[in-house]
Amino acid sequence: MKRTSLPRSTSCLKRETRIRPIGLRGIEARKQITAVRVVVMERAGARCERCGCAGPLDMHHRRMRSQGGAHTAQNLAALCSGPDGCHDAVHRGAADSDRWIVRRGGRA
């Protein structure tokens, strides 16, 4: 394979960057996450669990992934998305955000 030089604008990129295929673990994890999303959407009735609107929904982790939260139906909630949606409102600290976000060591 012949190496070619990168354009100047991309010189900071690694020359050996390659896209790696998803391994079996990744495929199984995606299947599990998809199955859990179906359970959460059925529980919510395809509506926001906070305000009840039928707009586009995001999956919200009650205990954040960075704090050890898992992709389980108990930890996920279907909240409406968008700049004025409940998902953003909860993360911005809405009055009832303690109901939707579990902090380290228990509730907020």
N, C-alpha and C. Protein backbone atom coordinates (compact mmCIF):
# COMPACT_ATOMS: atom_id res chain seq x y z
N MET A 1 0.84 -1.17 0.00
CA MET A 1 0.00 0.00 0.00
C MET A 1 0.88 1.24 0.00
N LYS A 2 0.66 2.10 -0.95
CA LYS A 2 1.47 3.30 -1.09
C LYS A 2 0.98 4.37 -0.12
N ARG A 3 1.92 4.96 0.58
CA ARG A 3 1.58 6.04 1.52
C ARG A 3 1.56 7.36 0.78
N THR A 4 0.57 8.15 1.07
CA THR A 4 0.49 9.49 0.51
C THR A 4 0.50 10.48 1.64
N SER A 5 0.99 11.65 1.38
CA SER A 5 1.02 12.65 2.43
C SER A 5 -0.37 13.26 2.58
N LEU A 6 -0.65 13.67 3.80
CA LEU A 6 -1.93 14.30 4.09
C LEU A 6 -1.89 15.77 3.73
N PRO A 7 -3.03 16.35 3.38
CA PRO A 7 -3.05 17.80 3.13
C PRO A 7 -2.64 18.54 4.40
N ARG A 8 -2.14 19.73 4.24
CA ARG A 8 -1.68 20.52 5.40
C ARG A 8 -2.75 20.70 6.46
N SER A 9 -3.99 20.87 6.04
CA SER A 9 -5.06 21.12 7.01
C SER A 9 -5.31 19.91 7.91
N THR A 10 -4.90 18.73 7.50
CA THR A 10 -5.12 17.53 8.31
C THR A 10 -3.82 16.95 8.85
N SER A 11 -2.77 17.72 8.85
CA SER A 11 -1.47 17.18 9.26
C SER A 11 -1.44 16.74 10.71
N CYS A 12 -2.34 17.25 11.54
CA CYS A 12 -2.34 16.86 12.94
C CYS A 12 -3.03 15.51 13.16
N LEU A 13 -3.70 14.97 12.14
CA LEU A 13 -4.34 13.68 12.27
C LEU A 13 -3.32 12.57 12.23
N LYS A 14 -3.62 11.47 12.90
CA LYS A 14 -2.73 10.32 12.85
C LYS A 14 -2.81 9.69 11.48
N ARG A 15 -1.68 9.35 10.94
CA ARG A 15 -1.65 8.73 9.62
C ARG A 15 -2.16 7.30 9.66
N GLU A 16 -2.05 6.63 10.79
CA GLU A 16 -2.43 5.22 10.88
C GLU A 16 -3.84 5.02 11.44
N THR A 17 -4.66 6.05 11.45
CA THR A 17 -6.00 5.93 12.00
C THR A 17 -6.83 5.00 11.11
N ARG A 18 -7.41 4.02 11.73
CA ARG A 18 -8.26 3.07 11.01
C ARG A 18 -9.54 2.86 11.80
N ILE A 19 -10.61 2.58 11.11
CA ILE A 19 -11.87 2.26 11.76
C ILE A 19 -11.85 0.78 12.08
N ARG A 20 -12.04 0.46 13.35
CA ARG A 20 -12.03 -0.94 13.75
C ARG A 20 -13.45 -1.50 13.72
N PRO A 21 -13.62 -2.74 13.31
CA PRO A 21 -14.96 -3.34 13.31
C PRO A 21 -15.43 -3.59 14.73
N ILE A 22 -16.74 -3.61 14.90
CA ILE A 22 -17.31 -3.88 16.23
C ILE A 22 -17.14 -5.37 16.51
N GLY A 23 -16.60 -5.70 17.65
CA GLY A 23 -16.42 -7.10 18.04
C GLY A 23 -17.73 -7.70 18.53
N LEU A 24 -17.69 -8.96 18.89
CA LEU A 24 -18.89 -9.63 19.36
C LEU A 24 -19.45 -8.98 20.61
N ARG A 25 -18.58 -8.54 21.50
CA ARG A 25 -19.06 -7.87 22.71
C ARG A 25 -19.88 -6.64 22.36
N GLY A 26 -19.41 -5.87 21.41
CA GLY A 26 -20.11 -4.66 21.00
C GLY A 26 -21.46 -4.96 20.39
N ILE A 27 -21.52 -5.99 19.57
CA ILE A 27 -22.78 -6.37 18.94
C ILE A 27 -23.77 -6.86 19.99
N GLU A 28 -23.32 -7.69 20.92
CA GLU A 28 -24.20 -8.18 21.98
C GLU A 28 -24.67 -7.04 22.88
N ALA A 29 -23.78 -6.10 23.18
CA ALA A 29 -24.16 -4.95 24.00
C ALA A 29 -25.23 -4.12 23.30
N ARG A 30 -25.07 -3.91 22.00
CA ARG A 30 -26.07 -3.13 21.26
C ARG A 30 -27.41 -3.85 21.23
N LYS A 31 -27.40 -5.18 21.09
CA LYS A 31 -28.65 -5.94 21.11
C LYS A 31 -29.34 -5.79 22.46
N GLN A 32 -28.56 -5.85 23.53
CA GLN A 32 -29.11 -5.72 24.88
C GLN A 32 -29.69 -4.33 25.09
N ILE A 33 -28.98 -3.29 24.66
CA ILE A 33 -29.46 -1.92 24.82
C ILE A 33 -30.74 -1.71 24.03
N THR A 34 -30.80 -2.24 22.81
CA THR A 34 -31.99 -2.11 21.99
C THR A 34 -33.18 -2.79 22.66
N ALA A 35 -32.97 -3.98 23.24
CA ALA A 35 -34.04 -4.69 23.93
C ALA A 35 -34.54 -3.90 25.13
N VAL A 36 -33.63 -3.29 25.87
CA VAL A 36 -34.01 -2.50 27.05
C VAL A 36 -34.79 -1.25 26.61
N ARG A 37 -34.37 -0.61 25.52
CA ARG A 37 -35.09 0.55 25.01
C ARG A 37 -36.54 0.20 24.68
N VAL A 38 -36.75 -0.98 24.09
CA VAL A 38 -38.11 -1.42 23.75
C VAL A 38 -38.94 -1.54 25.02
N VAL A 39 -38.38 -2.12 26.07
CA VAL A 39 -39.09 -2.27 27.35
C VAL A 39 -39.44 -0.90 27.92
N VAL A 40 -38.49 0.04 27.89
CA VAL A 40 -38.73 1.38 28.44
C VAL A 40 -39.80 2.11 27.63
N MET A 41 -39.75 2.00 26.31
CA MET A 41 -40.75 2.66 25.46
C MET A 41 -42.15 2.07 25.68
N GLU A 42 -42.23 0.75 25.87
CA GLU A 42 -43.52 0.12 26.15
C GLU A 42 -44.05 0.59 27.50
N ARG A 43 -43.18 0.67 28.50
CA ARG A 43 -43.58 1.13 29.83
C ARG A 43 -44.10 2.57 29.76
N ALA A 44 -43.44 3.39 28.96
CA ALA A 44 -43.82 4.80 28.85
C ALA A 44 -45.00 5.02 27.91
N GLY A 45 -45.36 4.01 27.14
CA GLY A 45 -46.45 4.18 26.18
C GLY A 45 -46.08 5.14 25.06
N ALA A 46 -44.78 5.18 24.71
CA ALA A 46 -44.25 6.07 23.67
C ALA A 46 -44.53 7.54 23.98
N ARG A 47 -44.58 7.89 25.25
CA ARG A 47 -44.78 9.27 25.70
C ARG A 47 -43.71 9.61 26.74
N CYS A 48 -43.45 10.89 26.87
CA CYS A 48 -42.49 11.36 27.87
C CYS A 48 -42.98 10.97 29.26
N GLU A 49 -42.11 10.38 30.06
CA GLU A 49 -42.50 9.96 31.41
C GLU A 49 -42.59 11.13 32.38
N ARG A 50 -42.12 12.29 31.99
CA ARG A 50 -42.18 13.46 32.86
C ARG A 50 -43.40 14.33 32.56
N CYS A 51 -43.61 14.67 31.27
CA CYS A 51 -44.71 15.59 30.94
C CYS A 51 -45.83 14.94 30.13
N GLY A 52 -45.58 13.75 29.59
CA GLY A 52 -46.62 13.04 28.86
C GLY A 52 -46.77 13.39 27.39
N CYS A 53 -45.89 14.24 26.86
CA CYS A 53 -46.01 14.61 25.44
C CYS A 53 -45.57 13.45 24.55
N ALA A 54 -46.04 13.47 23.32
CA ALA A 54 -45.73 12.38 22.38
C ALA A 54 -44.63 12.77 21.40
N GLY A 55 -43.79 13.71 21.75
CA GLY A 55 -42.72 14.16 20.87
C GLY A 55 -41.60 13.15 20.79
N PRO A 56 -40.52 13.49 20.09
CA PRO A 56 -39.36 12.58 20.03
C PRO A 56 -38.77 12.37 21.42
N LEU A 57 -38.38 11.14 21.70
CA LEU A 57 -37.92 10.78 23.05
C LEU A 57 -36.45 10.41 23.07
N ASP A 58 -35.80 10.72 24.19
CA ASP A 58 -34.43 10.31 24.49
C ASP A 58 -34.48 9.33 25.64
N MET A 59 -33.49 8.45 25.71
CA MET A 59 -33.34 7.59 26.87
C MET A 59 -32.47 8.34 27.88
N HIS A 60 -32.98 8.51 29.08
CA HIS A 60 -32.28 9.24 30.14
C HIS A 60 -31.85 8.26 31.22
N HIS A 61 -30.57 8.29 31.59
CA HIS A 61 -30.07 7.46 32.68
C HIS A 61 -30.32 8.19 33.99
N ARG A 62 -31.07 7.59 34.89
CA ARG A 62 -31.31 8.20 36.21
C ARG A 62 -29.99 8.30 36.98
N ARG A 63 -29.25 7.20 37.03
CA ARG A 63 -27.88 7.25 37.56
C ARG A 63 -26.99 7.31 36.34
N MET A 64 -26.23 8.38 36.22
CA MET A 64 -25.43 8.60 35.02
C MET A 64 -24.42 7.48 34.80
N ARG A 65 -24.11 7.24 33.53
CA ARG A 65 -23.14 6.20 33.18
C ARG A 65 -21.79 6.49 33.84
N SER A 66 -21.42 7.76 33.95
CA SER A 66 -20.13 8.12 34.55
C SER A 66 -20.10 7.79 36.04
N GLN A 67 -21.28 7.57 36.64
CA GLN A 67 -21.36 7.23 38.06
C GLN A 67 -21.72 5.76 38.27
N GLY A 68 -21.56 4.97 37.22
CA GLY A 68 -21.81 3.54 37.34
C GLY A 68 -23.21 3.11 36.97
N GLY A 69 -24.00 3.99 36.39
CA GLY A 69 -25.36 3.64 35.98
C GLY A 69 -25.35 2.64 34.84
N ALA A 70 -26.28 1.71 34.88
CA ALA A 70 -26.33 0.64 33.87
C ALA A 70 -27.43 0.91 32.85
N HIS A 71 -27.37 0.16 31.75
CA HIS A 71 -28.41 0.20 30.73
C HIS A 71 -29.50 -0.79 31.14
N THR A 72 -30.26 -0.48 32.18
CA THR A 72 -31.35 -1.35 32.61
C THR A 72 -32.64 -0.54 32.57
N ALA A 73 -33.76 -1.25 32.49
CA ALA A 73 -35.07 -0.57 32.43
C ALA A 73 -35.31 0.24 33.71
N GLN A 74 -34.81 -0.23 34.83
CA GLN A 74 -35.00 0.50 36.09
C GLN A 74 -34.21 1.80 36.11
N ASN A 75 -33.10 1.85 35.40
CA ASN A 75 -32.25 3.03 35.41
C ASN A 75 -32.57 4.00 34.26
N LEU A 76 -33.34 3.57 33.28
CA LEU A 76 -33.65 4.42 32.13
C LEU A 76 -35.04 4.99 32.21
N ALA A 77 -35.20 6.19 31.68
CA ALA A 77 -36.51 6.83 31.57
C ALA A 77 -36.61 7.44 30.18
N ALA A 78 -37.80 7.41 29.61
CA ALA A 78 -38.05 8.03 28.31
C ALA A 78 -38.47 9.47 28.54
N LEU A 79 -37.63 10.42 28.16
CA LEU A 79 -37.93 11.85 28.32
C LEU A 79 -37.88 12.52 26.96
N CYS A 80 -38.76 13.52 26.76
CA CYS A 80 -38.80 14.20 25.46
C CYS A 80 -37.49 14.96 25.24
N SER A 81 -37.11 15.02 23.96
CA SER A 81 -35.82 15.62 23.61
C SER A 81 -36.02 17.02 23.03
N GLY A 82 -34.93 17.63 22.65
CA GLY A 82 -34.97 18.96 22.08
C GLY A 82 -34.54 20.01 23.09
N PRO A 83 -34.30 21.23 22.62
CA PRO A 83 -33.81 22.28 23.52
C PRO A 83 -34.82 22.66 24.61
N ASP A 84 -36.09 22.47 24.36
CA ASP A 84 -37.11 22.78 25.38
C ASP A 84 -37.68 21.52 26.00
N GLY A 85 -37.05 20.38 25.76
CA GLY A 85 -37.57 19.10 26.24
C GLY A 85 -37.22 18.83 27.69
N CYS A 86 -37.89 17.82 28.21
CA CYS A 86 -37.69 17.43 29.61
C CYS A 86 -36.28 16.89 29.87
N HIS A 87 -35.68 16.22 28.90
CA HIS A 87 -34.34 15.67 29.11
C HIS A 87 -33.35 16.79 29.41
N ASP A 88 -33.38 17.85 28.61
CA ASP A 88 -32.49 18.98 28.87
C ASP A 88 -32.86 19.69 30.16
N ALA A 89 -34.16 19.83 30.42
CA ALA A 89 -34.61 20.52 31.64
C ALA A 89 -34.11 19.81 32.89
N VAL A 90 -34.18 18.49 32.90
CA VAL A 90 -33.72 17.71 34.05
C VAL A 90 -32.22 17.92 34.27
N HIS A 91 -31.45 17.91 33.18
CA HIS A 91 -30.00 18.11 33.32
C HIS A 91 -29.63 19.55 33.65
N ARG A 92 -30.51 20.49 33.36
CA ARG A 92 -30.26 21.90 33.72
C ARG A 92 -30.67 22.19 35.16
N GLY A 93 -31.29 21.23 35.84
CA GLY A 93 -31.64 21.43 37.25
C GLY A 93 -33.06 21.88 37.48
N ALA A 94 -34.02 21.34 36.75
CA ALA A 94 -35.43 21.68 36.95
C ALA A 94 -35.82 21.38 38.39
N ALA A 95 -36.92 21.97 38.82
CA ALA A 95 -37.37 21.84 40.21
C ALA A 95 -37.54 20.38 40.63
N ASP A 96 -37.96 19.53 39.72
CA ASP A 96 -38.16 18.12 40.06
C ASP A 96 -37.03 17.21 39.59
N SER A 97 -35.86 17.78 39.33
CA SER A 97 -34.76 16.98 38.79
C SER A 97 -34.30 15.90 39.77
N ASP A 98 -34.50 16.08 41.07
CA ASP A 98 -34.10 15.06 42.03
C ASP A 98 -34.90 13.77 41.85
N ARG A 99 -36.06 13.87 41.24
CA ARG A 99 -36.87 12.68 40.95
C ARG A 99 -36.30 11.91 39.76
N TRP A 100 -35.56 12.60 38.91
CA TRP A 100 -35.08 12.00 37.67
C TRP A 100 -33.59 11.72 37.65
N ILE A 101 -32.83 12.25 38.59
CA ILE A 101 -31.39 12.01 38.63
C ILE A 101 -31.01 11.48 40.00
N VAL A 102 -30.33 10.34 39.99
CA VAL A 102 -29.82 9.74 41.23
C VAL A 102 -28.35 10.11 41.33
N ARG A 103 -27.97 10.75 42.40
CA ARG A 103 -26.59 11.15 42.62
C ARG A 103 -25.83 10.04 43.35
N ARG A 104 -24.53 10.16 43.38
CA ARG A 104 -23.74 9.19 44.15
C ARG A 104 -24.23 9.16 45.59
N GLY A 105 -24.36 7.99 46.12
CA GLY A 105 -24.77 7.86 47.51
C GLY A 105 -26.26 8.05 47.73
N GLY A 106 -27.06 7.95 46.69
CA GLY A 106 -28.51 8.06 46.87
C GLY A 106 -29.11 9.19 46.08
N ARG A 107 -30.25 9.64 46.50
CA ARG A 107 -30.98 10.71 45.79
C ARG A 107 -30.32 12.05 46.03
N ALA A 108 -30.66 13.00 45.17
CA ALA A 108 -30.09 14.36 45.27
C ALA A 108 -30.52 15.05 46.54
